[in-house]
Every structure is written in C-alpha cells, then in structure tokens.
Amino acid sequence: MHPPLEPFATGRLRRPGGVELYWETSGNPQGKPAIYLHGGPGGGLGQGGYRRRFDPAAHLIVGVDQRGCGRSTPWAIDDLDRLDENTTQTLLDDLEALREHLGIDAWLLHGVSWGSTLALAYALAHPSRVTEIVLTAVTTGARSEIGWITEGVGAIFPEAWDEFAREVPDGIRVVKHYSELMRSQDAATRAAAADRWDRWESTHISLDPAWQPGPLHEDARTRENFATLVTHYWANDCFLRGADAVLERAGKLAGIPGVLIHGRRDVSGPAITPWRLHRAWPGSRLEIVESEGHGGPIEMELTRGDRRVPVVGRLWAGRLMGARWCRVRA
C-alpha cells in the first residue's frame, strides 16, 4: 500500500432537501481523477485508508461520504421523514453534481462492497464519464444477493439466524421487517433492532480469516444509522429492480476496462456474483483471492495494482504475501 496521506482540500456540497455532502481530494491535483465509493450503504469514508490504494503522484483521489452517513448531513436517523428520498438514483445524481462541482470530465471508479454496486449503477447511467472500474468484494444489489445475506446464509449459522429472525412474521422478508423496525417512532425499538442487525452482520462474516470478535460498530448511534440505511436499501432491492438490475445490463459495460477482485471465502457474498458479472461484461477481468473473505488485505493490494502502473493495469501474477489467487480471463 502507498504511504498514508491527508487531503489537500475538503468541502461540503449542498444538495436539495437540506443535504450537505462531505467530499475530500488528495494526491495530485493534476493527476488522473479517481473516486472511491464506500460500502454500506452507510459505511462512510472512515479514517481515509482508501487513499493508500492510489498512487498519489498519478491520481487526483476523490472521496465522498454518501448522503445520510459519515460527515455528510443530516444522518439518516436524524431525517427519517425524508428517508424515502435516499435512493440509488439520488446517489447517482449526487455523484454527478460532485463531478461537475470539481470540474472533472471523467473518472476512474473504485468501489468496495456496496460501493461496487453503486459504481456499476453509475457506469451504466453515465458511461461517458467513466474511464475504468475497479471493484473489490463485488456486489450488484440483486435480490438473490440480499436474500442470501439475510436468509440463505442462515443455513450456516442456524442458531444466530434463529435469534435474528424469530420475531419476523410469516410471509414477510426478514430485511423488510427490519427496515420497518428501523423507522419506528419508538427509540428503544430502533435501538434493539439495530443491535440485532449488527450481531447478525458480525456473525455471517465470522468465517472470514480476518474476522475479529465483537460488534461491527462500537458506537450505538453509528450502529443505528448503518442499520437504517442498509435495511432501507436492501428492502427496496437497492432500487435496482427489473430493467434497472445491474446484471441484466452488464453487457452495456463493454468498452469500459474493469477488474473484479473477490475473496473465495466471502461467505456473505459468494464468488458467484463476480463470476456472473465477469461473464456478462466483455473485457472484464476477475481476480479470486483463495485465502480471503470480504475485502481482505491481499484483495486491497491487488486493488492497488503494480507500483509501476495505475490502479487499473497489469496485476501481479503468481503469489502475493504467501497466498494464492486465481485469474479468470475474459
């Protein structure tokens, strides 16, 4: 990874409805533009470790806290009456507004987990504004993926899933039930549901070699905000239903260079997702890291690429840090 670096500029972009998006830029102001799209929905930029995946001499590195989380305001839990305005299409509009605000013609997209879904949706909506795409821990927002992570994977963790789902009425999707709890007028109901959601998320990633015991979010307020946004998006199939589904449109990405990096041991998001995307996306390259789960250190090194080339370029072949991965070519 490249050495840590701090932003050379930060700002707040005003959007309709009283929303203010926090953004930051680092690296080379005259470099190749690249934007990082964080996970969640609701994960935020965190401590800025994403910057280390880009060559700071070669890239103008853009980060943004998606609406409702991070340093953007208001948080989702502080504006529940307008939660329905927080959709994938709104996020795409936010990204376009930011691109125009920063005076960028086109940029490289780097997305992790949910950020990969957002990157794909953006590229499909604005292909002329995308130079390359690098996705790590790949998701596409499909209902089958959401069903697996909230219900199907319960076959591996039946005890935890029973606690997670035992109060869900028959015939109701688990994620739909939780999305309703997270919009309750009762603060105690929301807090309890957020705690159960966090315990479930921590459970289904527990087979990841890098897993650490304990809650995903130590802070109760952050935990509640994250659960509110995730359940809102997942209950609505990430607002990418039918004709808007990513996989069904992936062939339209032909001509945009893309690299998909995924851990074989990603129990939460099995490798079938990037495999299907790779098969549907002409010219894409799939890198499977055999020893890792959902976005481990080797995957992040592969995301960075060779020190001698930009993020999208020739990736190391053979062995890295003593671990194996396999390359699937188009």
Protein backbone atom coordinates (compact mmCIF):
# COMPACT_ATOMS: atom_id res chain seq x y z
CA MET A 1 0.00 0.00 0.00
CA HIS A 2 1.09 3.57 -0.56
CA PRO A 3 2.06 5.68 2.49
CA PRO A 4 -0.74 7.47 4.39
CA LEU A 5 -1.66 10.89 3.06
CA GLU A 6 -4.04 13.66 4.03
CA PRO A 7 -6.48 15.56 1.80
CA PHE A 8 -5.27 18.78 0.26
CA ALA A 9 -8.88 20.03 0.04
CA THR A 10 -12.25 19.31 1.68
CA GLY A 11 -15.67 20.77 1.19
CA ARG A 12 -19.40 20.44 1.56
CA LEU A 13 -21.67 20.26 -1.48
CA ARG A 14 -25.21 21.47 -0.91
CA ARG A 15 -27.94 19.34 -2.41
CA PRO A 16 -31.76 19.66 -2.46
CA GLY A 17 -33.64 18.94 0.75
CA GLY A 18 -31.06 20.42 3.08
CA VAL A 19 -28.48 17.71 2.36
CA GLU A 20 -24.78 18.58 2.52
CA LEU A 21 -22.27 16.09 1.14
CA TYR A 22 -18.78 15.97 2.61
CA TRP A 23 -16.05 15.50 -0.02
CA GLU A 24 -12.27 15.46 0.04
CA THR A 25 -9.48 15.36 -2.53
CA SER A 26 -5.92 14.13 -2.14
CA GLY A 27 -2.94 13.11 -4.27
CA ASN A 28 -2.02 15.07 -7.38
CA PRO A 29 -4.41 17.94 -8.29
CA GLN A 30 -3.37 17.48 -11.93
CA GLY A 31 -3.47 13.68 -11.82
CA LYS A 32 -5.88 11.18 -13.32
CA PRO A 33 -9.22 11.58 -11.49
CA ALA A 34 -10.38 8.60 -9.43
CA ILE A 35 -13.28 8.38 -6.98
CA TYR A 36 -13.69 5.94 -4.11
CA LEU A 37 -17.22 4.70 -3.36
CA HIS A 38 -17.53 3.30 0.15
CA GLY A 39 -19.54 0.36 1.37
CA GLY A 40 -22.71 0.03 3.40
CA PRO A 41 -24.94 1.66 2.38
CA GLY A 42 -23.99 3.91 5.27
CA GLY A 43 -20.38 2.92 5.85
CA GLY A 44 -18.73 6.28 5.24
CA LEU A 45 -15.14 7.10 4.34
CA GLY A 46 -13.86 6.18 7.80
CA GLN A 47 -10.25 7.13 8.55
CA GLY A 48 -9.30 7.53 4.90
CA GLY A 49 -7.37 4.31 4.38
CA TYR A 50 -8.80 4.13 0.85
CA ARG A 51 -6.34 6.85 -0.22
CA ARG A 52 -3.43 4.44 0.15
CA ARG A 53 -4.70 2.29 -2.75
CA PHE A 54 -3.98 5.03 -5.27
CA ASP A 55 -0.62 6.32 -6.45
CA PRO A 56 -0.74 9.87 -5.05
CA ALA A 57 1.64 11.12 -7.73
CA ALA A 58 -0.53 9.79 -10.54
CA HIS A 59 -4.10 10.31 -9.28
CA LEU A 60 -6.43 13.04 -8.16
CA ILE A 61 -8.15 11.00 -5.44
CA VAL A 62 -11.76 11.90 -4.60
CA GLY A 63 -13.68 10.63 -1.60
CA VAL A 64 -17.28 11.41 -0.64
CA ASP A 65 -19.47 10.39 2.28
CA GLN A 66 -22.71 9.28 0.67
CA ARG A 67 -25.82 11.10 1.83
CA GLY A 68 -27.12 10.14 5.25
CA CYS A 69 -23.82 9.00 6.75
CA GLY A 70 -20.24 9.85 7.61
CA ARG A 71 -19.57 13.58 7.68
CA SER A 72 -22.46 14.32 5.33
CA THR A 73 -25.56 15.78 6.93
CA PRO A 74 -28.19 15.09 8.04
CA TRP A 75 -27.71 11.48 9.09
CA ALA A 76 -30.48 9.11 8.05
CA ILE A 77 -31.66 8.63 11.65
CA ASP A 78 -31.98 12.39 12.04
CA ASP A 79 -34.18 12.75 8.96
CA LEU A 80 -36.40 9.66 8.89
CA ASP A 81 -39.29 11.59 7.34
CA ARG A 82 -37.18 12.05 4.19
CA LEU A 83 -35.55 8.63 4.13
CA ASP A 84 -37.53 7.68 1.02
CA GLU A 85 -35.62 10.39 -0.86
CA ASN A 86 -32.39 8.48 -0.24
CA THR A 87 -32.23 6.12 -3.23
CA THR A 88 -29.62 4.81 -5.63
CA GLN A 89 -30.79 7.30 -8.26
CA THR A 90 -30.36 10.13 -5.78
CA LEU A 91 -26.83 8.95 -5.01
CA LEU A 92 -26.06 8.86 -8.73
CA ASP A 93 -27.33 12.43 -9.03
CA ASP A 94 -25.12 13.37 -6.07
CA LEU A 95 -22.07 11.90 -7.79
CA GLU A 96 -22.80 13.77 -11.00
CA ALA A 97 -23.23 17.01 -9.06
CA LEU A 98 -19.89 16.40 -7.32
CA ARG A 99 -18.13 15.61 -10.59
CA GLU A 100 -19.38 18.85 -12.10
CA HIS A 101 -18.54 20.79 -8.92
CA LEU A 102 -14.94 19.54 -9.03
CA GLY A 103 -14.63 20.20 -12.76
CA ILE A 104 -13.88 16.57 -13.63
CA ASP A 105 -14.72 15.31 -17.12
CA ALA A 106 -14.43 11.57 -16.41
CA TRP A 107 -13.00 9.45 -13.60
CA LEU A 108 -11.91 6.01 -12.58
CA LEU A 109 -14.43 4.33 -10.23
CA HIS A 110 -13.22 2.27 -7.29
CA GLY A 111 -15.98 0.66 -5.24
CA VAL A 112 -15.89 -1.79 -2.35
CA SER A 113 -18.87 -4.00 -1.39
CA TRP A 114 -21.99 -1.79 -1.72
CA GLY A 115 -19.70 0.74 -3.35
CA SER A 116 -19.19 -1.71 -6.20
CA THR A 117 -22.95 -1.79 -6.81
CA LEU A 118 -23.04 2.00 -6.82
CA ALA A 119 -20.06 2.14 -9.19
CA LEU A 120 -21.75 -0.24 -11.62
CA ALA A 121 -25.02 1.69 -11.49
CA TYR A 122 -23.16 4.95 -12.12
CA ALA A 123 -21.22 3.50 -15.06
CA LEU A 124 -24.41 2.20 -16.63
CA ALA A 125 -26.10 5.57 -16.19
CA HIS A 126 -23.10 7.71 -17.26
CA PRO A 127 -20.71 5.55 -19.33
CA SER A 128 -19.04 8.56 -20.98
CA ARG A 129 -17.93 9.78 -17.55
CA VAL A 130 -16.09 6.55 -16.64
CA THR A 131 -12.53 5.70 -17.68
CA GLU A 132 -12.03 2.43 -15.76
CA ILE A 133 -13.69 0.47 -12.95
CA VAL A 134 -12.01 -1.39 -10.08
CA LEU A 135 -14.34 -3.36 -7.81
CA THR A 136 -13.42 -5.19 -4.61
CA ALA A 137 -15.75 -7.53 -2.66
CA VAL A 138 -18.17 -7.35 -5.56
CA THR A 139 -21.93 -6.91 -5.16
CA THR A 140 -24.60 -5.95 -7.69
CA GLY A 141 -27.61 -5.29 -5.44
CA ALA A 142 -29.62 -8.21 -6.81
CA ARG A 143 -32.47 -9.59 -4.69
CA SER A 144 -30.78 -13.00 -4.73
CA GLU A 145 -27.70 -11.49 -3.07
CA ILE A 146 -29.81 -9.73 -0.45
CA GLY A 147 -31.83 -12.89 0.16
CA TRP A 148 -28.65 -14.87 0.69
CA ILE A 149 -27.05 -12.47 3.17
CA THR A 150 -30.26 -12.04 5.22
CA GLU A 151 -31.79 -15.52 4.95
CA GLY A 152 -29.90 -18.12 2.94
CA VAL A 153 -26.65 -17.90 4.90
CA GLY A 154 -28.70 -18.75 7.99
CA ALA A 155 -28.24 -22.37 6.96
CA ILE A 156 -24.60 -21.99 8.03
CA PHE A 157 -25.41 -20.12 11.25
CA PRO A 158 -28.81 -21.50 12.33
CA GLU A 159 -28.51 -20.51 15.99
CA ALA A 160 -27.70 -16.88 15.22
CA TRP A 161 -30.26 -16.71 12.44
CA ASP A 162 -33.00 -18.01 14.74
CA GLU A 163 -32.31 -15.14 17.15
CA PHE A 164 -32.17 -12.70 14.24
CA ALA A 165 -35.37 -13.82 12.51
CA ARG A 166 -37.58 -15.46 15.16
CA GLU A 167 -39.87 -12.42 15.53
CA VAL A 168 -40.37 -11.89 11.79
CA PRO A 169 -44.00 -12.61 10.80
CA ASP A 170 -44.61 -15.45 8.36
CA GLY A 171 -44.55 -14.40 4.73
CA ILE A 172 -42.50 -11.23 5.37
CA ARG A 173 -38.94 -10.78 4.11
CA VAL A 174 -36.55 -10.51 7.03
CA VAL A 175 -34.96 -7.36 5.65
CA LYS A 176 -38.37 -5.76 5.09
CA HIS A 177 -39.30 -6.43 8.70
CA TYR A 178 -36.08 -4.84 9.95
CA SER A 179 -36.48 -1.84 7.67
CA GLU A 180 -39.86 -1.19 9.29
CA LEU A 181 -38.41 -1.55 12.78
CA MET A 182 -35.69 0.96 11.93
CA ARG A 183 -38.37 3.52 11.05
CA SER A 184 -40.32 3.01 14.25
CA GLN A 185 -41.33 6.07 16.25
CA ASP A 186 -40.07 4.27 19.36
CA ALA A 187 -36.37 4.87 20.03
CA ALA A 188 -36.00 1.68 22.07
CA THR A 189 -37.43 -0.41 19.22
CA ARG A 190 -34.97 1.09 16.76
CA ALA A 191 -32.01 0.59 19.08
CA ALA A 192 -32.88 -3.05 19.81
CA ALA A 193 -33.35 -3.81 16.11
CA ALA A 194 -30.01 -2.14 15.27
CA ASP A 195 -28.27 -4.27 17.90
CA ARG A 196 -29.75 -7.48 16.49
CA TRP A 197 -28.83 -6.43 12.95
CA ASP A 198 -25.26 -5.69 13.98
CA ARG A 199 -24.92 -9.07 15.74
CA TRP A 200 -26.16 -10.85 12.62
CA GLU A 201 -23.76 -8.99 10.33
CA SER A 202 -20.88 -9.78 12.68
CA THR A 203 -21.92 -13.45 12.66
CA HIS A 204 -22.11 -14.04 8.92
CA ILE A 205 -18.64 -12.58 8.39
CA SER A 206 -17.17 -14.67 11.21
CA LEU A 207 -15.68 -17.27 8.85
CA ASP A 208 -13.57 -14.57 7.21
CA PRO A 209 -9.90 -15.19 8.11
CA ALA A 210 -9.57 -11.54 9.14
CA TRP A 211 -12.66 -11.55 11.40
CA GLN A 212 -12.38 -10.08 14.88
CA PRO A 213 -14.98 -10.87 17.59
CA GLY A 214 -17.27 -8.08 18.70
CA PRO A 215 -19.76 -5.65 17.17
CA LEU A 216 -19.17 -4.17 13.74
CA HIS A 217 -19.97 -0.72 15.10
CA GLU A 218 -18.97 0.08 18.67
CA ASP A 219 -20.94 3.31 18.79
CA ALA A 220 -24.70 2.81 19.24
CA ARG A 221 -25.64 5.84 17.16
CA THR A 222 -23.44 4.72 14.25
CA ARG A 223 -24.86 1.21 14.58
CA GLU A 224 -28.42 2.52 14.30
CA ASN A 225 -27.66 4.78 11.35
CA PHE A 226 -25.92 1.99 9.45
CA ALA A 227 -28.79 -0.46 10.07
CA THR A 228 -31.32 2.16 8.97
CA LEU A 229 -29.63 2.75 5.64
CA VAL A 230 -28.75 -0.87 4.87
CA THR A 231 -32.24 -2.17 5.56
CA HIS A 232 -33.81 0.71 3.64
CA TYR A 233 -31.76 -0.07 0.55
CA TRP A 234 -31.95 -3.85 0.79
CA ALA A 235 -35.70 -3.90 1.43
CA ASN A 236 -36.03 -1.98 -1.84
CA ASP A 237 -33.63 -4.25 -3.77
CA CYS A 238 -31.16 -1.35 -3.84
CA PHE A 239 -33.62 0.50 -6.09
CA LEU A 240 -32.27 -1.55 -8.99
CA ARG A 241 -35.22 -3.73 -9.86
CA GLY A 242 -36.36 -5.11 -13.19
CA ALA A 243 -34.96 -3.21 -16.14
CA ASP A 244 -32.62 -1.35 -13.79
CA ALA A 245 -30.96 -4.51 -12.46
CA VAL A 246 -27.19 -4.42 -12.89
CA LEU A 247 -26.51 -7.96 -14.09
CA GLU A 248 -29.16 -7.76 -16.79
CA ARG A 249 -27.46 -4.64 -18.17
CA ALA A 250 -23.82 -5.62 -17.62
CA GLY A 251 -23.20 -6.19 -21.33
CA LYS A 252 -23.52 -2.43 -21.80
CA LEU A 253 -20.26 -2.01 -19.87
CA ALA A 254 -18.36 -3.35 -22.88
CA GLY A 255 -15.57 -0.93 -23.72
CA ILE A 256 -15.00 0.17 -20.13
CA PRO A 257 -11.95 -1.65 -18.68
CA GLY A 258 -12.85 -3.40 -15.44
CA VAL A 259 -11.20 -5.52 -12.77
CA LEU A 260 -13.24 -7.55 -10.26
CA ILE A 261 -11.44 -8.66 -7.08
CA HIS A 262 -13.13 -11.06 -4.69
CA GLY A 263 -12.33 -13.45 -1.86
CA ARG A 264 -13.11 -17.15 -2.29
CA ARG A 265 -14.02 -17.34 1.42
CA ASP A 266 -16.52 -14.50 1.23
CA VAL A 267 -19.44 -16.34 2.83
CA SER A 268 -21.58 -13.19 2.91
CA GLY A 269 -21.17 -12.60 -0.81
CA PRO A 270 -20.24 -15.82 -2.65
CA ALA A 271 -17.98 -15.63 -5.68
CA ILE A 272 -20.88 -16.49 -7.99
CA THR A 273 -21.72 -12.78 -8.09
CA PRO A 274 -18.44 -11.50 -9.59
CA TRP A 275 -18.32 -14.63 -11.78
CA ARG A 276 -21.70 -13.83 -13.31
CA LEU A 277 -20.77 -10.18 -13.71
CA HIS A 278 -17.48 -11.09 -15.36
CA ARG A 279 -19.22 -13.43 -17.80
CA ALA A 280 -21.71 -10.71 -18.73
CA TRP A 281 -19.15 -7.88 -19.02
CA PRO A 282 -16.99 -8.20 -22.13
CA GLY A 283 -13.37 -7.36 -21.46
CA SER A 284 -13.57 -7.53 -17.67
CA ARG A 285 -11.01 -9.43 -15.59
CA LEU A 286 -11.82 -11.46 -12.49
CA GLU A 287 -9.29 -12.00 -9.69
CA ILE A 288 -10.25 -14.54 -6.99
CA VAL A 289 -8.17 -14.48 -3.80
CA GLU A 290 -8.33 -18.03 -2.48
CA SER A 291 -7.42 -17.29 1.14
CA GLU A 292 -9.63 -14.28 1.95
CA GLY A 293 -13.19 -13.26 2.65
CA HIS A 294 -14.94 -9.91 2.21
CA GLY A 295 -12.23 -7.42 1.32
CA GLY A 296 -9.03 -8.63 2.99
CA PRO A 297 -5.51 -7.15 2.78
CA ILE A 298 -4.47 -9.18 -0.26
CA GLU A 299 -7.55 -8.00 -2.12
CA MET A 300 -6.61 -4.44 -1.26
CA GLU A 301 -3.07 -4.97 -2.53
CA LEU A 302 -4.48 -6.32 -5.78
CA THR A 303 -6.79 -3.32 -5.93
CA ARG A 304 -3.75 -1.07 -5.74
CA GLY A 305 -2.06 -2.96 -8.56
CA ASP A 306 1.59 -2.94 -9.53
CA ARG A 307 3.61 0.00 -8.21
CA ARG A 308 4.73 0.79 -11.76
CA VAL A 309 1.27 1.18 -13.29
CA PRO A 310 -2.05 2.88 -12.39
CA VAL A 311 -4.68 1.10 -10.30
CA VAL A 312 -6.18 -0.44 -13.42
CA GLY A 313 -3.38 -2.22 -15.21
CA ARG A 314 -1.35 -5.37 -15.03
CA LEU A 315 -1.95 -7.13 -11.74
CA TRP A 316 0.73 -9.30 -10.16
CA ALA A 317 0.64 -12.94 -11.16
CA GLY A 318 1.69 -15.92 -9.06
CA ARG A 319 1.94 -15.34 -5.32
CA LEU A 320 1.43 -12.36 -3.08
CA MET A 321 2.22 -12.29 0.63
CA GLY A 322 2.37 -16.10 0.64
CA ALA A 323 -1.24 -16.53 -0.53
CA ARG A 324 -2.63 -17.81 -3.83
CA TRP A 325 -5.25 -16.39 -6.11
CA CYS A 326 -6.56 -17.45 -9.47
CA ARG A 327 -7.06 -15.27 -12.52
CA VAL A 328 -10.03 -15.73 -14.80
CA ARG A 329 -9.61 -14.10 -18.17
CA ALA A 330 -12.39 -12.95 -20.44
